[in-house]
Amino acid sequence: MLQPAVTAVPLLIGVFVGAPPPAQEHLGVLVGQLTRRTLPAMFLTGALVATAHGLVHWARPSFHPTVDETAPRNTAQPTDAWLINREAVMPDGSRISSDACPGTHRCVGSTGTWLQYHPSAHPVPIQLVEAGILLALTLLVLTTLFLRIPRRGPRDPLPPAHPLTKG
């Protein structure tokens, strides 16, 4: 039987791979300063990185306006497009989610398909917005980190050495 710490290592590696290393290190230092405990700081940093990654992934489709298009029934999605939503258009103009159509008679009378997607030209603006958000969060973490570092004036003595160490 494996110990819990050994089985958690792949999970932690996967969590920490999600964000760029400098951002993780700065966040880890800040969390370490706040908690003053190594293991809780490591796990809390991992949870914060995973939460930030999940929130950015969830909000990514809304970082740039999508293209809304009504097409003939059973139209395939445009090539090189990131499909966000697909719905069947009914004769009265209402839309029914395509997920509700298979195996039911709800979409039999549909007159078309409504597509919501990002064309192949949208990934760069989406990535720029995402990078700006992550850069702002990194600057916030760095500012908070540097404000928490105690300052010493030119005449302030260094703290006394620990009695068990030489120096």
N, C-alpha and C. Protein backbone atom coordinates (compact mmCIF):
# COMPACT_ATOMS: atom_id res chain seq x y z
N MET A 1 0.85 -1.18 0.00
CA MET A 1 0.00 0.00 0.00
C MET A 1 0.89 1.24 0.00
N LEU A 2 0.59 2.20 -0.88
CA LEU A 2 1.37 3.43 -0.95
C LEU A 2 0.93 4.41 0.12
N GLN A 3 1.87 5.19 0.59
CA GLN A 3 1.55 6.21 1.56
C GLN A 3 0.82 7.36 0.87
N PRO A 4 -0.05 8.10 1.57
CA PRO A 4 -0.79 9.20 0.94
C PRO A 4 0.11 10.24 0.29
N ALA A 5 1.26 10.54 0.90
CA ALA A 5 2.15 11.56 0.33
C ALA A 5 2.71 11.10 -1.01
N VAL A 6 2.97 9.80 -1.16
CA VAL A 6 3.52 9.28 -2.41
C VAL A 6 2.46 9.33 -3.51
N THR A 7 1.21 9.04 -3.19
CA THR A 7 0.16 9.07 -4.20
C THR A 7 -0.26 10.48 -4.55
N ALA A 8 0.02 11.46 -3.70
CA ALA A 8 -0.35 12.84 -3.98
C ALA A 8 0.67 13.55 -4.85
N VAL A 9 1.87 13.00 -4.99
CA VAL A 9 2.92 13.67 -5.76
C VAL A 9 2.51 13.90 -7.22
N PRO A 10 1.98 12.90 -7.95
CA PRO A 10 1.58 13.19 -9.33
C PRO A 10 0.50 14.26 -9.43
N LEU A 11 -0.42 14.28 -8.48
CA LEU A 11 -1.46 15.31 -8.46
C LEU A 11 -0.85 16.69 -8.26
N LEU A 12 0.08 16.81 -7.34
CA LEU A 12 0.73 18.10 -7.10
C LEU A 12 1.55 18.55 -8.30
N ILE A 13 2.24 17.61 -8.95
CA ILE A 13 3.01 17.97 -10.14
C ILE A 13 2.06 18.48 -11.22
N GLY A 14 0.92 17.83 -11.40
CA GLY A 14 -0.05 18.27 -12.39
C GLY A 14 -0.62 19.64 -12.06
N VAL A 15 -0.84 19.93 -10.79
CA VAL A 15 -1.37 21.24 -10.39
C VAL A 15 -0.34 22.33 -10.67
N PHE A 16 0.92 22.07 -10.33
CA PHE A 16 1.93 23.11 -10.48
C PHE A 16 2.38 23.31 -11.92
N VAL A 17 2.12 22.36 -12.80
CA VAL A 17 2.48 22.53 -14.20
C VAL A 17 1.53 23.51 -14.88
N GLY A 18 0.34 23.72 -14.30
CA GLY A 18 -0.67 24.57 -14.94
C GLY A 18 -0.32 26.04 -15.04
N ALA A 19 0.55 26.57 -14.21
CA ALA A 19 0.89 28.00 -14.24
C ALA A 19 2.40 28.14 -14.50
N PRO A 20 2.80 29.28 -15.02
CA PRO A 20 4.23 29.47 -15.26
C PRO A 20 5.01 29.47 -13.94
N PRO A 21 6.22 28.89 -13.93
CA PRO A 21 6.99 28.76 -12.68
C PRO A 21 7.21 30.06 -11.92
N PRO A 22 7.54 31.20 -12.55
CA PRO A 22 7.76 32.40 -11.73
C PRO A 22 6.50 32.81 -10.95
N ALA A 23 5.34 32.68 -11.56
CA ALA A 23 4.11 33.04 -10.86
C ALA A 23 3.87 32.12 -9.68
N GLN A 24 4.17 30.83 -9.86
CA GLN A 24 3.99 29.88 -8.76
C GLN A 24 4.96 30.18 -7.63
N GLU A 25 6.20 30.52 -7.97
CA GLU A 25 7.19 30.78 -6.94
C GLU A 25 6.83 32.01 -6.13
N HIS A 26 6.41 33.07 -6.79
CA HIS A 26 6.05 34.30 -6.06
C HIS A 26 4.84 34.06 -5.18
N LEU A 27 3.86 33.35 -5.72
CA LEU A 27 2.67 33.04 -4.93
C LEU A 27 3.05 32.14 -3.77
N GLY A 28 3.93 31.17 -4.01
CA GLY A 28 4.37 30.27 -2.94
C GLY A 28 5.11 31.01 -1.84
N VAL A 29 5.94 31.98 -2.21
CA VAL A 29 6.65 32.77 -1.20
C VAL A 29 5.67 33.59 -0.38
N LEU A 30 4.70 34.20 -1.04
CA LEU A 30 3.71 35.00 -0.32
C LEU A 30 2.88 34.14 0.63
N VAL A 31 2.42 33.00 0.14
CA VAL A 31 1.63 32.10 1.00
C VAL A 31 2.48 31.59 2.15
N GLY A 32 3.76 31.31 1.87
CA GLY A 32 4.67 30.87 2.93
C GLY A 32 4.86 31.94 3.99
N GLN A 33 4.95 33.21 3.55
CA GLN A 33 5.07 34.31 4.51
C GLN A 33 3.81 34.42 5.37
N LEU A 34 2.67 34.22 4.75
CA LEU A 34 1.41 34.39 5.48
C LEU A 34 1.14 33.24 6.44
N THR A 35 1.45 32.00 6.02
CA THR A 35 1.13 30.85 6.86
C THR A 35 2.25 30.48 7.82
N ARG A 36 3.50 30.75 7.44
CA ARG A 36 4.68 30.42 8.24
C ARG A 36 4.81 28.91 8.50
N ARG A 37 4.21 28.10 7.65
CA ARG A 37 4.31 26.65 7.72
C ARG A 37 4.53 26.13 6.31
N THR A 38 5.48 25.21 6.15
CA THR A 38 5.87 24.77 4.81
C THR A 38 4.80 23.94 4.11
N LEU A 39 4.36 22.85 4.71
CA LEU A 39 3.41 21.98 4.03
C LEU A 39 2.06 22.66 3.78
N PRO A 40 1.47 23.34 4.77
CA PRO A 40 0.23 24.05 4.45
C PRO A 40 0.41 25.09 3.34
N ALA A 41 1.57 25.75 3.32
CA ALA A 41 1.83 26.74 2.27
C ALA A 41 1.91 26.07 0.91
N MET A 42 2.53 24.90 0.85
CA MET A 42 2.63 24.18 -0.43
C MET A 42 1.25 23.77 -0.94
N PHE A 43 0.45 23.19 -0.07
CA PHE A 43 -0.87 22.75 -0.50
C PHE A 43 -1.78 23.93 -0.81
N LEU A 44 -1.70 25.00 -0.04
CA LEU A 44 -2.52 26.18 -0.30
C LEU A 44 -2.10 26.84 -1.62
N THR A 45 -0.80 26.88 -1.89
CA THR A 45 -0.33 27.42 -3.17
C THR A 45 -0.85 26.58 -4.32
N GLY A 46 -0.78 25.27 -4.19
CA GLY A 46 -1.31 24.39 -5.23
C GLY A 46 -2.80 24.60 -5.45
N ALA A 47 -3.55 24.77 -4.36
CA ALA A 47 -4.99 25.00 -4.48
C ALA A 47 -5.28 26.34 -5.15
N LEU A 48 -4.50 27.37 -4.80
CA LEU A 48 -4.70 28.69 -5.42
C LEU A 48 -4.36 28.68 -6.90
N VAL A 49 -3.27 27.99 -7.27
CA VAL A 49 -2.89 27.90 -8.68
C VAL A 49 -3.96 27.13 -9.46
N ALA A 50 -4.44 26.03 -8.89
CA ALA A 50 -5.48 25.25 -9.56
C ALA A 50 -6.77 26.05 -9.71
N THR A 51 -7.13 26.82 -8.68
CA THR A 51 -8.34 27.65 -8.74
C THR A 51 -8.20 28.73 -9.80
N ALA A 52 -7.05 29.40 -9.82
CA ALA A 52 -6.83 30.44 -10.83
C ALA A 52 -6.86 29.85 -12.24
N HIS A 53 -6.23 28.69 -12.41
CA HIS A 53 -6.23 28.03 -13.72
C HIS A 53 -7.66 27.66 -14.13
N GLY A 54 -8.44 27.13 -13.20
CA GLY A 54 -9.82 26.75 -13.50
C GLY A 54 -10.69 27.95 -13.84
N LEU A 55 -10.53 29.06 -13.10
CA LEU A 55 -11.32 30.26 -13.38
C LEU A 55 -10.98 30.86 -14.74
N VAL A 56 -9.70 30.90 -15.08
CA VAL A 56 -9.30 31.43 -16.38
C VAL A 56 -9.81 30.52 -17.50
N HIS A 57 -9.71 29.22 -17.29
CA HIS A 57 -10.21 28.28 -18.30
C HIS A 57 -11.72 28.42 -18.49
N TRP A 58 -12.45 28.63 -17.39
CA TRP A 58 -13.91 28.78 -17.45
C TRP A 58 -14.30 30.09 -18.15
N ALA A 59 -13.56 31.17 -17.92
CA ALA A 59 -13.92 32.47 -18.48
C ALA A 59 -13.33 32.72 -19.86
N ARG A 60 -12.41 31.88 -20.32
CA ARG A 60 -11.72 32.09 -21.60
C ARG A 60 -12.64 32.35 -22.78
N PRO A 61 -13.76 31.65 -22.95
CA PRO A 61 -14.62 31.93 -24.12
C PRO A 61 -15.17 33.35 -24.15
N SER A 62 -15.27 34.00 -23.01
CA SER A 62 -15.85 35.35 -22.98
C SER A 62 -14.80 36.45 -23.07
N PHE A 63 -13.53 36.12 -23.29
CA PHE A 63 -12.48 37.13 -23.40
C PHE A 63 -12.53 37.89 -24.72
N HIS A 64 -13.24 37.39 -25.69
CA HIS A 64 -13.35 38.04 -27.01
C HIS A 64 -14.75 37.74 -27.54
N PRO A 65 -15.39 38.69 -28.23
CA PRO A 65 -16.75 38.43 -28.72
C PRO A 65 -16.79 37.24 -29.68
N THR A 66 -17.83 36.44 -29.55
CA THR A 66 -17.99 35.29 -30.43
C THR A 66 -18.74 35.68 -31.70
N VAL A 67 -18.69 34.80 -32.67
CA VAL A 67 -19.46 34.97 -33.90
C VAL A 67 -20.73 34.15 -33.75
N ASP A 68 -21.87 34.79 -33.92
CA ASP A 68 -23.17 34.10 -33.89
C ASP A 68 -23.66 33.96 -35.32
N GLU A 69 -24.05 32.76 -35.70
CA GLU A 69 -24.44 32.52 -37.08
C GLU A 69 -25.59 31.53 -37.11
N THR A 70 -26.59 31.83 -37.92
CA THR A 70 -27.68 30.88 -38.16
C THR A 70 -27.43 30.25 -39.51
N ALA A 71 -27.40 28.93 -39.54
CA ALA A 71 -27.07 28.19 -40.77
C ALA A 71 -28.17 27.17 -41.05
N PRO A 72 -28.17 26.61 -42.24
CA PRO A 72 -29.14 25.55 -42.53
C PRO A 72 -28.98 24.38 -41.57
N ARG A 73 -30.04 23.61 -41.47
CA ARG A 73 -30.08 22.49 -40.53
C ARG A 73 -28.95 21.50 -40.82
N ASN A 74 -28.37 20.93 -39.76
CA ASN A 74 -27.30 19.92 -39.82
C ASN A 74 -26.03 20.44 -40.50
N THR A 75 -25.77 21.73 -40.36
CA THR A 75 -24.54 22.30 -40.91
C THR A 75 -23.38 21.97 -39.98
N ALA A 76 -22.27 21.61 -40.58
CA ALA A 76 -21.07 21.33 -39.79
C ALA A 76 -20.47 22.66 -39.31
N GLN A 77 -19.73 22.58 -38.24
CA GLN A 77 -19.09 23.80 -37.74
C GLN A 77 -18.02 24.26 -38.72
N PRO A 78 -17.74 25.57 -38.75
CA PRO A 78 -16.69 26.07 -39.65
C PRO A 78 -15.34 25.44 -39.32
N THR A 79 -14.50 25.28 -40.35
CA THR A 79 -13.19 24.68 -40.12
C THR A 79 -12.32 25.61 -39.28
N ASP A 80 -11.48 25.03 -38.48
CA ASP A 80 -10.57 25.76 -37.60
C ASP A 80 -11.29 26.71 -36.66
N ALA A 81 -12.48 26.38 -36.25
CA ALA A 81 -13.25 27.23 -35.34
C ALA A 81 -13.37 26.54 -33.99
N TRP A 82 -13.45 27.34 -32.95
CA TRP A 82 -13.66 26.84 -31.60
C TRP A 82 -15.14 26.99 -31.31
N LEU A 83 -15.88 25.90 -31.38
CA LEU A 83 -17.33 25.92 -31.20
C LEU A 83 -17.66 26.09 -29.72
N ILE A 84 -18.42 27.14 -29.41
CA ILE A 84 -18.80 27.41 -28.03
C ILE A 84 -20.19 26.84 -27.74
N ASN A 85 -21.12 27.04 -28.68
CA ASN A 85 -22.49 26.60 -28.46
C ASN A 85 -23.13 26.27 -29.80
N ARG A 86 -24.02 25.30 -29.80
CA ARG A 86 -24.75 24.90 -31.00
C ARG A 86 -26.18 24.57 -30.57
N GLU A 87 -27.15 25.19 -31.23
CA GLU A 87 -28.55 24.97 -30.88
C GLU A 87 -29.39 24.81 -32.13
N ALA A 88 -30.48 24.06 -32.01
CA ALA A 88 -31.43 23.90 -33.11
C ALA A 88 -32.41 25.07 -33.08
N VAL A 89 -32.68 25.65 -34.25
CA VAL A 89 -33.62 26.76 -34.36
C VAL A 89 -34.98 26.19 -34.77
N MET A 90 -36.00 26.48 -33.96
CA MET A 90 -37.35 25.98 -34.22
C MET A 90 -38.11 26.96 -35.12
N PRO A 91 -39.23 26.54 -35.71
CA PRO A 91 -39.98 27.43 -36.60
C PRO A 91 -40.44 28.74 -35.95
N ASP A 92 -40.70 28.73 -34.65
CA ASP A 92 -41.13 29.95 -33.98
C ASP A 92 -39.97 30.86 -33.60
N GLY A 93 -38.73 30.46 -33.92
CA GLY A 93 -37.56 31.27 -33.62
C GLY A 93 -36.86 30.90 -32.33
N SER A 94 -37.47 30.07 -31.52
CA SER A 94 -36.82 29.65 -30.27
C SER A 94 -35.69 28.67 -30.59
N ARG A 95 -34.80 28.53 -29.64
CA ARG A 95 -33.65 27.64 -29.83
C ARG A 95 -33.66 26.57 -28.75
N ILE A 96 -33.27 25.37 -29.15
CA ILE A 96 -33.16 24.24 -28.23
C ILE A 96 -31.73 23.73 -28.30
N SER A 97 -31.14 23.48 -27.16
CA SER A 97 -29.76 23.00 -27.12
C SER A 97 -29.62 21.70 -27.90
N SER A 98 -28.56 21.60 -28.66
CA SER A 98 -28.32 20.39 -29.46
C SER A 98 -28.09 19.17 -28.58
N ASP A 99 -27.69 19.39 -27.32
CA ASP A 99 -27.49 18.27 -26.41
C ASP A 99 -28.82 17.61 -26.07
N ALA A 100 -29.93 18.36 -26.14
CA ALA A 100 -31.25 17.82 -25.80
C ALA A 100 -31.90 17.12 -26.99
N CYS A 101 -31.32 17.24 -28.19
CA CYS A 101 -31.95 16.71 -29.40
C CYS A 101 -31.78 15.21 -29.62
N PRO A 102 -30.59 14.63 -29.46
CA PRO A 102 -30.44 13.22 -29.81
C PRO A 102 -31.38 12.32 -29.01
N GLY A 103 -32.06 11.45 -29.73
CA GLY A 103 -32.94 10.48 -29.09
C GLY A 103 -34.30 11.03 -28.70
N THR A 104 -34.60 12.27 -29.00
CA THR A 104 -35.91 12.84 -28.66
C THR A 104 -36.55 13.39 -29.92
N HIS A 105 -37.82 13.72 -29.81
CA HIS A 105 -38.56 14.29 -30.95
C HIS A 105 -38.67 15.80 -30.83
N ARG A 106 -37.93 16.41 -29.91
CA ARG A 106 -38.03 17.86 -29.68
C ARG A 106 -37.50 18.67 -30.85
N CYS A 107 -36.52 18.16 -31.58
CA CYS A 107 -35.85 18.94 -32.63
C CYS A 107 -36.25 18.51 -34.04
N VAL A 108 -37.29 17.68 -34.16
CA VAL A 108 -37.67 17.17 -35.48
C VAL A 108 -38.07 18.30 -36.42
N GLY A 109 -38.77 19.31 -35.95
CA GLY A 109 -39.24 20.39 -36.81
C GLY A 109 -38.29 21.56 -36.91
N SER A 110 -37.03 21.38 -36.56
CA SER A 110 -36.11 22.51 -36.57
C SER A 110 -35.87 22.99 -38.00
N THR A 111 -35.71 24.30 -38.14
CA THR A 111 -35.52 24.90 -39.47
C THR A 111 -34.06 25.27 -39.73
N GLY A 112 -33.23 25.27 -38.71
CA GLY A 112 -31.84 25.64 -38.91
C GLY A 112 -31.02 25.34 -37.67
N THR A 113 -29.77 25.77 -37.74
CA THR A 113 -28.84 25.58 -36.64
C THR A 113 -28.22 26.91 -36.29
N TRP A 114 -28.19 27.22 -35.01
CA TRP A 114 -27.53 28.44 -34.53
C TRP A 114 -26.18 28.04 -33.97
N LEU A 115 -25.12 28.68 -34.47
CA LEU A 115 -23.76 28.38 -34.04
C LEU A 115 -23.16 29.59 -33.35
N GLN A 116 -22.48 29.36 -32.27
CA GLN A 116 -21.72 30.41 -31.59
C GLN A 116 -20.29 29.88 -31.49
N TYR A 117 -19.33 30.61 -32.11
CA TYR A 117 -17.97 30.09 -32.19
C TYR A 117 -16.96 31.23 -32.26
N HIS A 118 -15.71 30.85 -32.04
CA HIS A 118 -14.57 31.74 -32.24
C HIS A 118 -13.86 31.27 -33.51
N PRO A 119 -13.74 32.13 -34.52
CA PRO A 119 -13.02 31.71 -35.73
C PRO A 119 -11.51 31.60 -35.47
N SER A 120 -10.79 31.15 -36.47
CA SER A 120 -9.36 30.88 -36.30
C SER A 120 -8.54 32.14 -36.01
N ALA A 121 -9.10 33.33 -36.23
CA ALA A 121 -8.37 34.57 -35.96
C ALA A 121 -8.48 35.02 -34.50
N HIS A 122 -9.31 34.39 -33.71
CA HIS A 122 -9.55 34.85 -32.34
C HIS A 122 -8.58 34.35 -31.28
N PRO A 123 -7.85 33.26 -31.44
CA PRO A 123 -7.01 32.79 -30.33
C PRO A 123 -5.97 33.81 -29.84
N VAL A 124 -5.36 34.58 -30.75
CA VAL A 124 -4.34 35.52 -30.30
C VAL A 124 -4.93 36.60 -29.40
N PRO A 125 -6.04 37.28 -29.76
CA PRO A 125 -6.60 38.25 -28.82
C PRO A 125 -7.05 37.62 -27.50
N ILE A 126 -7.57 36.40 -27.56
CA ILE A 126 -7.99 35.72 -26.33
C ILE A 126 -6.77 35.47 -25.44
N GLN A 127 -5.68 35.03 -26.04
CA GLN A 127 -4.46 34.75 -25.26
C GLN A 127 -3.85 36.04 -24.71
N LEU A 128 -3.97 37.14 -25.44
CA LEU A 128 -3.45 38.42 -24.93
C LEU A 128 -4.24 38.88 -23.71
N VAL A 129 -5.56 38.72 -23.75
CA VAL A 129 -6.39 39.09 -22.59
C VAL A 129 -6.03 38.19 -21.41
N GLU A 130 -5.90 36.90 -21.67
CA GLU A 130 -5.54 35.96 -20.60
C GLU A 130 -4.18 36.30 -20.01
N ALA A 131 -3.21 36.62 -20.87
CA ALA A 131 -1.88 36.99 -20.38
C ALA A 131 -1.94 38.27 -19.56
N GLY A 132 -2.76 39.24 -19.98
CA GLY A 132 -2.91 40.48 -19.22
C GLY A 132 -3.49 40.24 -17.84
N ILE A 133 -4.49 39.37 -17.75
CA ILE A 133 -5.10 39.04 -16.46
C ILE A 133 -4.07 38.37 -15.54
N LEU A 134 -3.34 37.39 -16.08
CA LEU A 134 -2.35 36.69 -15.27
C LEU A 134 -1.20 37.61 -14.88
N LEU A 135 -0.82 38.52 -15.77
CA LEU A 135 0.23 39.49 -15.44
C LEU A 135 -0.24 40.43 -14.32
N ALA A 136 -1.49 40.87 -14.38
CA ALA A 136 -2.03 41.73 -13.32
C ALA A 136 -2.05 40.98 -11.98
N LEU A 137 -2.44 39.71 -12.00
CA LEU A 137 -2.43 38.93 -10.76
C LEU A 137 -1.01 38.75 -10.23
N THR A 138 -0.05 38.54 -11.14
CA THR A 138 1.35 38.40 -10.72
C THR A 138 1.86 39.69 -10.11
N LEU A 139 1.52 40.83 -10.72
CA LEU A 139 1.93 42.12 -10.15
C LEU A 139 1.30 42.36 -8.79
N LEU A 140 0.06 41.94 -8.61
CA LEU A 140 -0.61 42.07 -7.32
C LEU A 140 0.10 41.23 -6.26
N VAL A 141 0.46 40.00 -6.62
CA VAL A 141 1.17 39.12 -5.68
C VAL A 141 2.54 39.71 -5.35
N LEU A 142 3.27 40.18 -6.36
CA LEU A 142 4.60 40.75 -6.11
C LEU A 142 4.53 42.01 -5.26
N THR A 143 3.57 42.87 -5.52
CA THR A 143 3.42 44.09 -4.72
C THR A 143 3.12 43.75 -3.28
N THR A 144 2.20 42.81 -3.07
CA THR A 144 1.87 42.39 -1.70
C THR A 144 3.09 41.77 -1.03
N LEU A 145 3.83 40.98 -1.78
CA LEU A 145 5.02 40.33 -1.23
C LEU A 145 6.06 41.35 -0.79
N PHE A 146 6.34 42.32 -1.66
CA PHE A 146 7.37 43.31 -1.32
C PHE A 146 6.91 44.27 -0.22
N LEU A 147 5.63 44.51 -0.09
CA LEU A 147 5.14 45.36 0.99
C LEU A 147 5.23 44.66 2.34
N ARG A 148 5.26 43.33 2.31
CA ARG A 148 5.35 42.58 3.57
C ARG A 148 6.79 42.40 4.05
N ILE A 149 7.78 42.69 3.21
CA ILE A 149 9.18 42.55 3.62
C ILE A 149 9.53 43.69 4.57
N PRO A 150 10.04 43.36 5.76
CA PRO A 150 10.40 44.43 6.70
C PRO A 150 11.57 45.26 6.17
N ARG A 151 11.49 46.54 6.41
CA ARG A 151 12.55 47.46 5.95
C ARG A 151 13.45 47.84 7.12
N ARG A 152 14.73 47.95 6.82
CA ARG A 152 15.69 48.40 7.82
C ARG A 152 16.36 49.65 7.29
N GLY A 153 16.51 50.63 8.13
CA GLY A 153 17.22 51.84 7.76
C GLY A 153 18.72 51.60 7.78
N PRO A 154 19.53 52.57 7.36
CA PRO A 154 20.99 52.38 7.34
C PRO A 154 21.59 52.21 8.74
N ARG A 155 20.92 52.71 9.75
CA ARG A 155 21.49 52.61 11.11
C ARG A 155 20.86 51.49 11.93
N ASP A 156 19.81 50.84 11.38
CA ASP A 156 19.17 49.76 12.12
C ASP A 156 20.11 48.57 12.18
N PRO A 157 20.36 48.05 13.38
CA PRO A 157 21.25 46.89 13.47
C PRO A 157 20.55 45.64 12.94
N LEU A 158 21.38 44.69 12.55
CA LEU A 158 20.85 43.41 12.15
C LEU A 158 20.31 42.69 13.39
N PRO A 159 19.35 41.83 13.22
CA PRO A 159 18.85 41.10 14.40
C PRO A 159 19.97 40.24 14.99
N PRO A 160 19.94 40.01 16.30
CA PRO A 160 21.01 39.21 16.93
C PRO A 160 21.03 37.79 16.36
N ALA A 161 22.24 37.22 16.31
CA ALA A 161 22.39 35.87 15.82
C ALA A 161 21.75 34.90 16.79
N HIS A 162 21.33 33.76 16.27
CA HIS A 162 20.73 32.73 17.12
C HIS A 162 21.82 32.20 18.05
N PRO A 163 21.49 31.96 19.32
CA PRO A 163 22.53 31.56 20.29
C PRO A 163 23.23 30.24 19.94
N LEU A 164 22.61 29.37 19.16
CA LEU A 164 23.24 28.07 18.85
C LEU A 164 24.13 28.14 17.61
N THR A 165 24.13 29.26 16.90
CA THR A 165 24.96 29.37 15.71
C THR A 165 26.15 30.27 15.98
N LYS A 166 27.20 30.08 15.23
CA LYS A 166 28.37 30.93 15.38
C LYS A 166 28.15 32.20 14.58
N GLY A 167 28.66 33.29 15.05
CA GLY A 167 28.57 34.46 14.23
C GLY A 167 28.25 35.66 14.96
